[in-house]
Amino acid sequence: FFGELRTKAIKVSIKGNELTVTNYLGLGTTTVYDIGQFDGLETSILPSEYSSYEYLYLMEKGKKTVKISQFYHSNYKNLKVRLMKQTQNLGHKDYNLIQEIKEIFI
């Protein structure tokens, strides 16, 4: 539960080349990134009981630094379009439950 709030239920805003991310539903720690620091973005489809949701991962040195979820963000499509203009599209990766569980504790 806390891993989900920390890494996926985040507040995201973009101003120019700055991406601001606040975890825990926008109530936690705020981190500001320069969008140029990311290697690019990957997408993945995560299944749920009733539907499937796309996730966008901003990658840095081969690791998922920021996770933006279609489930949590009503403006997901706008965020995706904006980020795709400012960083390289690294493609689509298949969903891996074991990897997602590991990342909750990292």
C-alpha atoms as a PDB file:
ATOM      1  CA  PHE A   1       0.000   0.000   0.000  1.00  0.00           C
ATOM      2  CA  PHE A   2       2.684   2.525   1.015  1.00  0.00           C
ATOM      3  CA  GLY A   3       4.840   1.569  -1.961  1.00  0.00           C
ATOM      4  CA  GLU A   4       1.926   2.326  -4.270  1.00  0.00           C
ATOM      5  CA  LEU A   5       1.352   5.725  -2.622  1.00  0.00           C
ATOM      6  CA  ARG A   6       5.048   6.545  -2.673  1.00  0.00           C
ATOM      7  CA  THR A   7       5.782   5.656  -6.293  1.00  0.00           C
ATOM      8  CA  LYS A   8       2.515   5.817  -8.274  1.00  0.00           C
ATOM      9  CA  ALA A   9      -0.040   7.984  -6.445  1.00  0.00           C
ATOM     10  CA  ILE A  10       1.988  11.116  -7.088  1.00  0.00           C
ATOM     11  CA  LYS A  11       1.352  14.721  -8.017  1.00  0.00           C
ATOM     12  CA  VAL A  12       3.113  15.713 -11.243  1.00  0.00           C
ATOM     13  CA  SER A  13       3.561  19.096 -12.877  1.00  0.00           C
ATOM     14  CA  ILE A  14       5.647  20.290 -15.825  1.00  0.00           C
ATOM     15  CA  LYS A  15       6.940  23.829 -16.285  1.00  0.00           C
ATOM     16  CA  GLY A  16       9.351  24.322 -19.144  1.00  0.00           C
ATOM     17  CA  ASN A  17      12.048  21.686 -18.742  1.00  0.00           C
ATOM     18  CA  GLU A  18      11.245  21.003 -15.080  1.00  0.00           C
ATOM     19  CA  LEU A  19       9.219  18.051 -13.874  1.00  0.00           C
ATOM     20  CA  THR A  20       8.026  18.357 -10.281  1.00  0.00           C
ATOM     21  CA  VAL A  21       6.940  15.174  -8.505  1.00  0.00           C
ATOM     22  CA  THR A  22       5.415  14.947  -5.024  1.00  0.00           C
ATOM     23  CA  ASN A  23       4.737  11.486  -3.627  1.00  0.00           C
ATOM     24  CA  TYR A  24       2.012  10.268  -1.253  1.00  0.00           C
ATOM     25  CA  LEU A  25      -0.898  11.849  -3.176  1.00  0.00           C
ATOM     26  CA  GLY A  26       0.904  15.185  -3.321  1.00  0.00           C
ATOM     27  CA  LEU A  27       1.409  15.348   0.452  1.00  0.00           C
ATOM     28  CA  GLY A  28       4.935  13.904   0.656  1.00  0.00           C
ATOM     29  CA  THR A  29       8.406  14.845  -0.469  1.00  0.00           C
ATOM     30  CA  THR A  30       8.769  16.994  -3.584  1.00  0.00           C
ATOM     31  CA  THR A  31      11.536  16.327  -6.100  1.00  0.00           C
ATOM     32  CA  VAL A  32      12.307  18.541  -9.097  1.00  0.00           C
ATOM     33  CA  TYR A  33      13.887  16.947 -12.175  1.00  0.00           C
ATOM     34  CA  ASP A  34      15.321  18.447 -15.323  1.00  0.00           C
ATOM     35  CA  ILE A  35      13.503  16.524 -18.062  1.00  0.00           C
ATOM     36  CA  GLY A  36      16.777  16.375 -19.999  1.00  0.00           C
ATOM     37  CA  GLN A  37      18.322  14.178 -17.303  1.00  0.00           C
ATOM     38  CA  PHE A  38      16.120  11.231 -18.316  1.00  0.00           C
ATOM     39  CA  ASP A  39      17.323   8.677 -20.869  1.00  0.00           C
ATOM     40  CA  GLY A  40      13.761   8.546 -22.153  1.00  0.00           C
ATOM     41  CA  LEU A  41      10.419   6.983 -21.352  1.00  0.00           C
ATOM     42  CA  GLU A  42       8.962   3.495 -21.516  1.00  0.00           C
ATOM     43  CA  THR A  43       5.320   2.500 -21.397  1.00  0.00           C
ATOM     44  CA  SER A  44       3.675  -0.631 -20.056  1.00  0.00           C
ATOM     45  CA  ILE A  45       0.115  -1.903 -19.703  1.00  0.00           C
ATOM     46  CA  LEU A  46      -0.800  -3.087 -16.212  1.00  0.00           C
ATOM     47  CA  PRO A  47      -3.873  -5.274 -15.933  1.00  0.00           C
ATOM     48  CA  SER A  48      -6.390  -4.833 -13.129  1.00  0.00           C
ATOM     49  CA  GLU A  49      -9.505  -6.743 -12.203  1.00  0.00           C
ATOM     50  CA  TYR A  50     -11.829  -4.643 -14.365  1.00  0.00           C
ATOM     51  CA  SER A  51      -9.602  -2.903 -16.889  1.00  0.00           C
ATOM     52  CA  SER A  52      -6.013  -2.281 -17.964  1.00  0.00           C
ATOM     53  CA  TYR A  53      -4.065   0.921 -17.427  1.00  0.00           C
ATOM     54  CA  GLU A  54      -1.034   2.353 -19.125  1.00  0.00           C
ATOM     55  CA  TYR A  55       1.972   3.421 -17.102  1.00  0.00           C
ATOM     56  CA  LEU A  56       4.731   5.717 -18.289  1.00  0.00           C
ATOM     57  CA  TYR A  57       8.167   5.253 -16.765  1.00  0.00           C
ATOM     58  CA  LEU A  58      10.786   7.989 -16.987  1.00  0.00           C
ATOM     59  CA  MET A  59      14.077   6.139 -17.161  1.00  0.00           C
ATOM     60  CA  GLU A  60      17.417   7.320 -15.807  1.00  0.00           C
ATOM     61  CA  LYS A  61      20.530   5.140 -16.090  1.00  0.00           C
ATOM     62  CA  GLY A  62      18.350   2.121 -16.841  1.00  0.00           C
ATOM     63  CA  LYS A  63      16.095   2.541 -13.794  1.00  0.00           C
ATOM     64  CA  LYS A  64      12.482   3.691 -13.465  1.00  0.00           C
ATOM     65  CA  THR A  65      12.875   7.069 -11.771  1.00  0.00           C
ATOM     66  CA  VAL A  66       9.318   8.407 -12.152  1.00  0.00           C
ATOM     67  CA  LYS A  67       6.143   6.352 -12.700  1.00  0.00           C
ATOM     68  CA  ILE A  68       3.107   8.109 -14.138  1.00  0.00           C
ATOM     69  CA  SER A  69      -0.120   6.116 -14.144  1.00  0.00           C
ATOM     70  CA  GLN A  70      -3.195   6.412 -16.327  1.00  0.00           C
ATOM     71  CA  PHE A  71      -5.129   5.079 -13.310  1.00  0.00           C
ATOM     72  CA  TYR A  72      -4.047   7.879 -10.940  1.00  0.00           C
ATOM     73  CA  HIS A  73      -3.769  10.816 -13.356  1.00  0.00           C
ATOM     74  CA  SER A  74      -6.843  12.203 -15.109  1.00  0.00           C
ATOM     75  CA  ASN A  75      -4.516  14.276 -17.320  1.00  0.00           C
ATOM     76  CA  TYR A  76      -2.329  11.262 -18.196  1.00  0.00           C
ATOM     77  CA  LYS A  77      -2.665  11.733 -21.961  1.00  0.00           C
ATOM     78  CA  ASN A  78      -1.586  15.389 -21.730  1.00  0.00           C
ATOM     79  CA  LEU A  79       1.409  14.476 -19.560  1.00  0.00           C
ATOM     80  CA  LYS A  80       2.388  11.705 -21.971  1.00  0.00           C
ATOM     81  CA  VAL A  81       2.163  13.940 -25.060  1.00  0.00           C
ATOM     82  CA  ARG A  82       4.229  16.657 -23.372  1.00  0.00           C
ATOM     83  CA  LEU A  83       6.905  14.247 -22.152  1.00  0.00           C
ATOM     84  CA  MET A  84       7.109  12.485 -25.512  1.00  0.00           C
ATOM     85  CA  LYS A  85       7.953  15.860 -27.080  1.00  0.00           C
ATOM     86  CA  GLN A  86      10.729  16.461 -24.545  1.00  0.00           C
ATOM     87  CA  THR A  87      12.342  13.044 -24.168  1.00  0.00           C
ATOM     88  CA  GLN A  88      13.078   9.955 -26.220  1.00  0.00           C
ATOM     89  CA  ASN A  89      10.487   7.184 -26.529  1.00  0.00           C
ATOM     90  CA  LEU A  90      12.240   3.962 -25.457  1.00  0.00           C
ATOM     91  CA  GLY A  91       9.245   1.841 -26.425  1.00  0.00           C
ATOM     92  CA  HIS A  92       6.854  -0.530 -24.724  1.00  0.00           C
ATOM     93  CA  LYS A  93       7.810  -3.151 -22.114  1.00  0.00           C
ATOM     94  CA  ASP A  94       5.662  -6.082 -21.093  1.00  0.00           C
ATOM     95  CA  TYR A  95       4.210  -5.984 -17.570  1.00  0.00           C
ATOM     96  CA  ASN A  96       6.209  -7.981 -15.010  1.00  0.00           C
ATOM     97  CA  LEU A  97       4.473  -8.507 -11.648  1.00  0.00           C
ATOM     98  CA  ILE A  98       7.616  -9.721  -9.869  1.00  0.00           C
ATOM     99  CA  GLN A  99       9.573  -6.656 -11.007  1.00  0.00           C
ATOM    100  CA  GLU A 100       6.739  -4.325  -9.904  1.00  0.00           C
ATOM    101  CA  ILE A 101       6.742  -5.905  -6.423  1.00  0.00           C
ATOM    102  CA  LYS A 102      10.528  -5.570  -6.155  1.00  0.00           C
ATOM    103  CA  GLU A 103      10.333  -1.883  -7.118  1.00  0.00           C
ATOM    104  CA  ILE A 104       7.879  -1.130  -4.299  1.00  0.00           C
ATOM    105  CA  PHE A 105      10.686  -1.772  -1.798  1.00  0.00           C
ATOM    106  CA  ILE A 106      13.435   0.111  -3.659  1.00  0.00           C
END
